Amino acid sequence: MRVSTQDPHSHAWDHSPREWKAHDGPVLALAWAHPSFGNLLASGGSDGALHLWLEDPHHRPDSHHSHGHAHGHAHGHGRPPAGWSCTASLLDAHGTLRSLSFAPPEAGLKLAAVSSDSHLRVWECLDPLALRDWQLRDDVDLAALPLSPSSAAPLHGHADPRGGAAGALVGSGDGFGL
């Protein structure tokens, strides 16, 4: 289980809790990728950074070894606990990250983020085996979009048979519903 809190730490529990400093401010958003991509976790914080963390499936926590923290393994200085590594840091956001979501696996390894700068950004992993190279595919200024679906032309899909735009915004087919 993974929990974000109002501090700069990310917390993970399996048999014992683990935490590490994942960001320079509070961790505000977390998202797990589909298991077909491994134990891949995205974290976003008030520092505007988006980090991707991968757990090594072959690492076994040492249950006989304490790291001197009352709540399990503590790792300062931004170092994750043994078995976890930061595979990539995406720094394109210009504000606090508010929401993260991975696309369904059939769309490929894509990650969407909404930040306080009113932008929706979508990245795609160029090599899902290495998980290090990500490319920004879309950067949508949400503030520039119409306030209501009825004032916009249909983006994709079928028009409402009653003549309105309701039902027209059914998604682009990439798994994000845009």
Foldseek 3Di string as FASTA:
>chain_A
DWDWDQAQKIWDDDPFIFIERADPGGWAEKEAAPCVLARWMWIFFQRQKIWIKHFAPPDDDDPVDAPPDPRGHYDYPNDGDPRMDTQEMDRPGPGGWHYKYFFHPVLATKMWIQGPQQWIWIWHAPDSVSSRDIDTDDIDRNVPDDPDQQVDDQPADDADPVPTRVPSQQADPSRPSD
